[in-house]
Protein backbone atom coordinates (compact mmCIF):
# COMPACT_ATOMS: atom_id res chain seq x y z
CA UNK A 1 -65.49 -96.98 27.81
CA UNK A 2 -62.15 -96.53 25.30
CA UNK A 3 -61.37 -94.01 22.91
CA UNK A 4 -62.56 -95.96 19.87
CA UNK A 5 -65.66 -96.05 22.03
CA UNK A 6 -66.64 -93.30 22.39
CA UNK A 7 -65.33 -91.91 18.75
CA UNK A 8 -67.69 -94.67 17.15
CA UNK A 9 -70.66 -93.99 19.60
CA UNK A 10 -70.12 -90.43 18.78
CA UNK A 11 -69.64 -90.96 14.77
CA UNK A 12 -73.11 -93.09 15.17
CA UNK A 13 -75.55 -89.80 16.84
CA UNK A 14 -74.86 -88.26 14.13
CA UNK A 15 -75.32 -89.99 11.73
CA UNK A 16 -78.44 -90.35 13.60
CA UNK A 17 -78.41 -87.14 12.86
CA UNK A 18 -78.39 -86.85 10.07
CA UNK A 19 -81.45 -88.99 9.61
CA UNK A 20 -83.46 -87.44 10.87
CA UNK A 21 -82.87 -84.04 9.25
CA UNK A 22 -83.56 -86.04 5.74
CA UNK A 23 -86.50 -87.54 7.54
CA UNK A 24 -88.56 -84.51 8.48
CA UNK A 25 -86.78 -82.67 4.87
CA UNK A 26 -88.70 -85.08 3.17
CA UNK A 27 -91.89 -85.39 4.81
CA UNK A 28 -92.32 -82.02 5.18
CA UNK A 29 -91.10 -80.53 1.57
CA UNK A 30 -93.66 -83.88 0.42
CA UNK A 31 -96.91 -82.11 2.14
CA UNK A 32 -97.63 -79.88 -0.37
CA UNK A 33 -95.72 -81.72 -3.28
CA UNK A 34 -98.53 -83.39 -4.34
CA UNK A 35 -101.93 -83.33 -5.94
CA UNK A 36 -104.34 -85.43 -4.39
CA UNK A 37 -105.68 -87.35 -8.07
CA UNK A 38 -108.82 -86.71 -9.02
CA UNK A 39 -110.85 -87.92 -12.34
CA UNK A 40 -110.08 -87.24 -15.76
CA UNK A 41 -113.37 -85.70 -16.31
CA UNK A 42 -115.14 -88.92 -16.41
CA UNK A 43 -117.59 -89.31 -13.98
CA UNK A 44 -118.57 -92.71 -12.55
CA UNK A 45 -121.82 -94.82 -11.43
CA UNK A 46 -122.80 -93.46 -8.06
CA UNK A 47 -122.28 -96.52 -7.10
CA UNK A 48 -118.84 -97.21 -8.11
CA UNK A 49 -117.74 -94.32 -6.38
CA UNK A 50 -119.11 -94.62 -3.54
CA UNK A 51 -116.66 -97.85 -3.98
CA UNK A 52 -114.22 -95.42 -4.98
CA UNK A 53 -114.33 -93.31 -1.93
CA UNK A 54 -114.93 -96.35 1.25
CA UNK A 55 -111.51 -97.10 -0.58
CA UNK A 56 -109.59 -94.42 -0.13
CA UNK A 57 -110.86 -93.22 3.47
CA UNK A 58 -109.48 -96.96 4.36
CA UNK A 59 -106.11 -96.63 2.45
CA UNK A 60 -103.25 -94.41 3.00
CA UNK A 61 -102.00 -92.55 6.48
CA UNK A 62 -103.75 -91.49 9.51
CA UNK A 63 -102.32 -90.71 13.18
CA UNK A 64 -103.58 -94.43 13.79
CA UNK A 65 -102.16 -96.13 11.56
CA UNK A 66 -98.80 -93.62 12.14
CA UNK A 67 -98.67 -94.32 16.28
CA UNK A 68 -99.34 -98.33 15.47
CA UNK A 69 -95.37 -98.28 12.77
CA UNK A 70 -92.48 -99.61 15.42
CA UNK A 71 -89.43 -99.36 15.59
CA UNK A 72 -87.95 -102.85 13.56
CA UNK A 73 -91.28 -103.74 11.46
CA UNK A 74 -90.50 -104.32 8.26
CA UNK A 75 -92.08 -103.36 4.88
CA UNK A 76 -95.33 -105.60 4.75
CA UNK A 77 -95.74 -105.22 8.10
CA UNK A 78 -96.35 -101.37 7.60
CA UNK A 79 -97.99 -101.43 4.49
CA UNK A 80 -100.94 -104.12 5.63
CA UNK A 81 -100.96 -101.80 8.77
CA UNK A 82 -101.39 -98.52 5.47
CA UNK A 83 -103.19 -100.36 3.45
CA UNK A 84 -101.86 -99.73 0.63
CA UNK A 85 -97.74 -99.86 -1.07
CA UNK A 86 -95.50 -96.51 -0.49
CA UNK A 87 -93.70 -94.74 -3.14
CA UNK A 88 -90.51 -95.28 -3.02
CA UNK A 89 -88.20 -91.97 -2.89
CA UNK A 90 -85.08 -92.86 -2.08
CA UNK A 91 -82.42 -95.90 -2.23
CA UNK A 92 -79.28 -96.62 -1.50
CA UNK A 93 -76.75 -99.36 -1.27
CA UNK A 94 -73.78 -98.59 0.74
CA UNK A 95 -71.00 -102.25 2.18
CA UNK A 96 -74.43 -104.76 1.39
CA UNK A 97 -76.75 -102.32 3.41
CA UNK A 98 -79.83 -101.53 1.78
CA UNK A 99 -81.70 -98.73 2.78
CA UNK A 100 -84.70 -97.54 1.57
CA UNK A 101 -87.66 -94.83 2.30
CA UNK A 102 -91.19 -95.07 0.78
CA UNK A 103 -93.71 -92.22 1.40
CA UNK A 104 -97.24 -92.44 1.97
CA UNK A 105 -99.34 -89.15 1.47
CA UNK A 106 -102.37 -89.03 4.13
CA UNK A 107 -105.94 -89.84 3.37
CA UNK A 108 -107.48 -86.79 3.47
CA UNK A 109 -104.97 -85.81 0.78
CA UNK A 110 -103.60 -83.28 3.31
CA UNK A 111 -100.03 -84.45 5.22
CA UNK A 112 -97.26 -87.45 4.60
CA UNK A 113 -95.52 -89.46 6.52
CA UNK A 114 -92.13 -91.52 5.29
CA UNK A 115 -90.54 -94.56 6.55
CA UNK A 116 -87.68 -95.48 6.28
CA UNK A 117 -86.23 -99.06 5.83
CA UNK A 118 -82.27 -100.90 6.51
CA UNK A 119 -82.42 -104.23 5.35
CA UNK A 120 -86.73 -104.50 5.42
CA UNK A 121 -86.64 -102.39 9.01
CA UNK A 122 -87.94 -99.86 9.81
CA UNK A 123 -85.45 -97.37 11.45
CA UNK A 124 -87.43 -94.08 11.93
CA UNK A 125 -91.03 -92.84 10.44
CA UNK A 126 -91.21 -88.64 10.17
CA UNK A 127 -94.93 -87.30 9.53
CA UNK A 128 -96.12 -84.05 8.57
CA UNK A 129 -99.89 -82.78 8.26
CA UNK A 130 -100.59 -86.29 10.09
CA UNK A 131 -100.09 -86.12 13.23
CA UNK A 132 -102.67 -83.76 15.02
CA UNK A 133 -100.83 -83.12 18.39
CA UNK A 134 -102.76 -81.51 21.72
CA UNK A 135 -104.09 -78.11 21.91
CA UNK A 136 -101.59 -76.88 24.22
CA UNK A 137 -99.50 -73.13 23.21
CA UNK A 138 -96.55 -72.45 25.05
CA UNK A 139 -94.56 -68.73 25.34
CA UNK A 140 -90.43 -68.36 24.59
CA UNK A 141 -90.94 -68.60 28.69
CA UNK A 142 -91.53 -72.49 28.02
CA UNK A 143 -88.95 -72.55 25.37
CA UNK A 144 -85.97 -70.78 27.58
CA UNK A 145 -86.65 -72.95 30.68
CA UNK A 146 -86.11 -76.42 28.22
CA UNK A 147 -82.35 -76.60 28.58
CA UNK A 148 -79.69 -79.59 27.81
CA UNK A 149 -80.01 -83.03 29.54
CA UNK A 150 -83.99 -82.92 30.67
CA UNK A 151 -85.95 -86.00 30.21
CA UNK A 152 -89.02 -85.73 27.67
CA UNK A 153 -91.13 -85.55 30.47
CA UNK A 154 -89.33 -83.35 32.07
CA UNK A 155 -90.58 -81.49 28.62
CA UNK A 156 -94.38 -82.33 28.84
CA UNK A 157 -94.20 -81.05 32.58
CA UNK A 158 -92.90 -78.05 31.62
CA UNK A 159 -94.76 -77.21 28.76
CA UNK A 160 -98.19 -78.54 29.84
CA UNK A 161 -98.62 -81.25 26.78
CA UNK A 162 -97.01 -84.19 25.14
CA UNK A 163 -96.26 -82.29 21.94
CA UNK A 164 -96.78 -83.93 17.65
CA UNK A 165 -94.62 -86.44 17.30
CA UNK A 166 -92.70 -85.75 13.88
CA UNK A 167 -90.18 -88.03 13.29
CA UNK A 168 -88.83 -91.83 15.68
CA UNK A 169 -85.18 -92.98 15.16
CA UNK A 170 -83.51 -96.42 15.77
CA UNK A 171 -80.38 -97.30 15.06
CA UNK A 172 -78.45 -100.00 16.21
CA UNK A 173 -80.22 -99.82 19.77
CA UNK A 174 -79.41 -95.69 19.57
CA UNK A 175 -83.21 -93.57 19.38
CA UNK A 176 -84.26 -90.10 19.01
CA UNK A 177 -86.98 -88.75 18.98
CA UNK A 178 -88.39 -84.61 17.11
CA UNK A 179 -91.20 -82.94 19.07
CA UNK A 180 -92.89 -80.21 18.10
CA UNK A 181 -94.75 -77.98 19.99
CA UNK A 182 -96.88 -75.03 18.91
CA UNK A 183 -97.24 -71.20 19.92
CA UNK A 184 -99.52 -68.50 20.13
CA UNK A 185 -99.07 -67.34 16.94
CA UNK A 186 -99.95 -68.65 13.45
CA UNK A 187 -97.06 -70.06 12.75
CA UNK A 188 -95.65 -70.97 15.45
CA UNK A 189 -93.71 -72.88 17.31
CA UNK A 190 -91.39 -75.29 19.08
CA UNK A 191 -89.01 -79.25 18.23
CA UNK A 192 -87.40 -80.23 20.45
CA UNK A 193 -85.04 -83.26 19.05
CA UNK A 194 -84.41 -86.07 22.46
CA UNK A 195 -81.37 -88.65 22.50
CA UNK A 196 -81.42 -91.45 24.34
CA UNK A 197 -84.16 -89.44 25.92
CA UNK A 198 -82.79 -86.43 26.55
CA UNK A 199 -82.77 -83.08 24.86
CA UNK A 200 -79.78 -82.92 22.50
CA UNK A 201 -81.25 -79.79 20.82
CA UNK A 202 -83.42 -77.32 20.17
CA UNK A 203 -84.81 -74.46 18.24
CA UNK A 204 -88.02 -72.48 18.09
CA UNK A 205 -90.12 -69.60 15.15
CA UNK A 206 -92.28 -67.15 16.03
CA UNK A 207 -92.89 -68.14 19.55
CA UNK A 208 -94.12 -64.46 21.90
């Protein structure tokens, strides 16, 4: 590969990392920022209330819907999966390339997902509190055994579970995913970032 090609690839990699950081922060930050809208003190008739509840259950993001969203989908396709319009939380237009980030709240009022579109195609999805992941609990020893360059399958075999997908990015064919595994104590976890299917970075909080 030429020096110019390497430079381009390196720049794209950092663009992907920047997008991952932004969308994960946006998802986590929005997790507790919104309370679900409640009625303003006026109670409707029971039939109307029941219909509203059914509508709320069918709309909003959940784990199954989040998993169904694929890179390259249009906004309309994502909207049809989730059942409602998203909230536009970020928008930019640089050199004719329009990038928009939308957020959807979970139907139960807890958790949210952000989906980033570039020229109306999904380039990233990220979630907080939507996907439960698995019941595997990992230790600091397992975390320390994870090495840069390992494949996702290597990490799954080492930790004993698939983890929870926090973010999935695909920009011009360059891919990156962020997965999280929980530790044994409350709030402890490990976050592993994969680029092109290989461990690029790792971080942990409170593992024992």
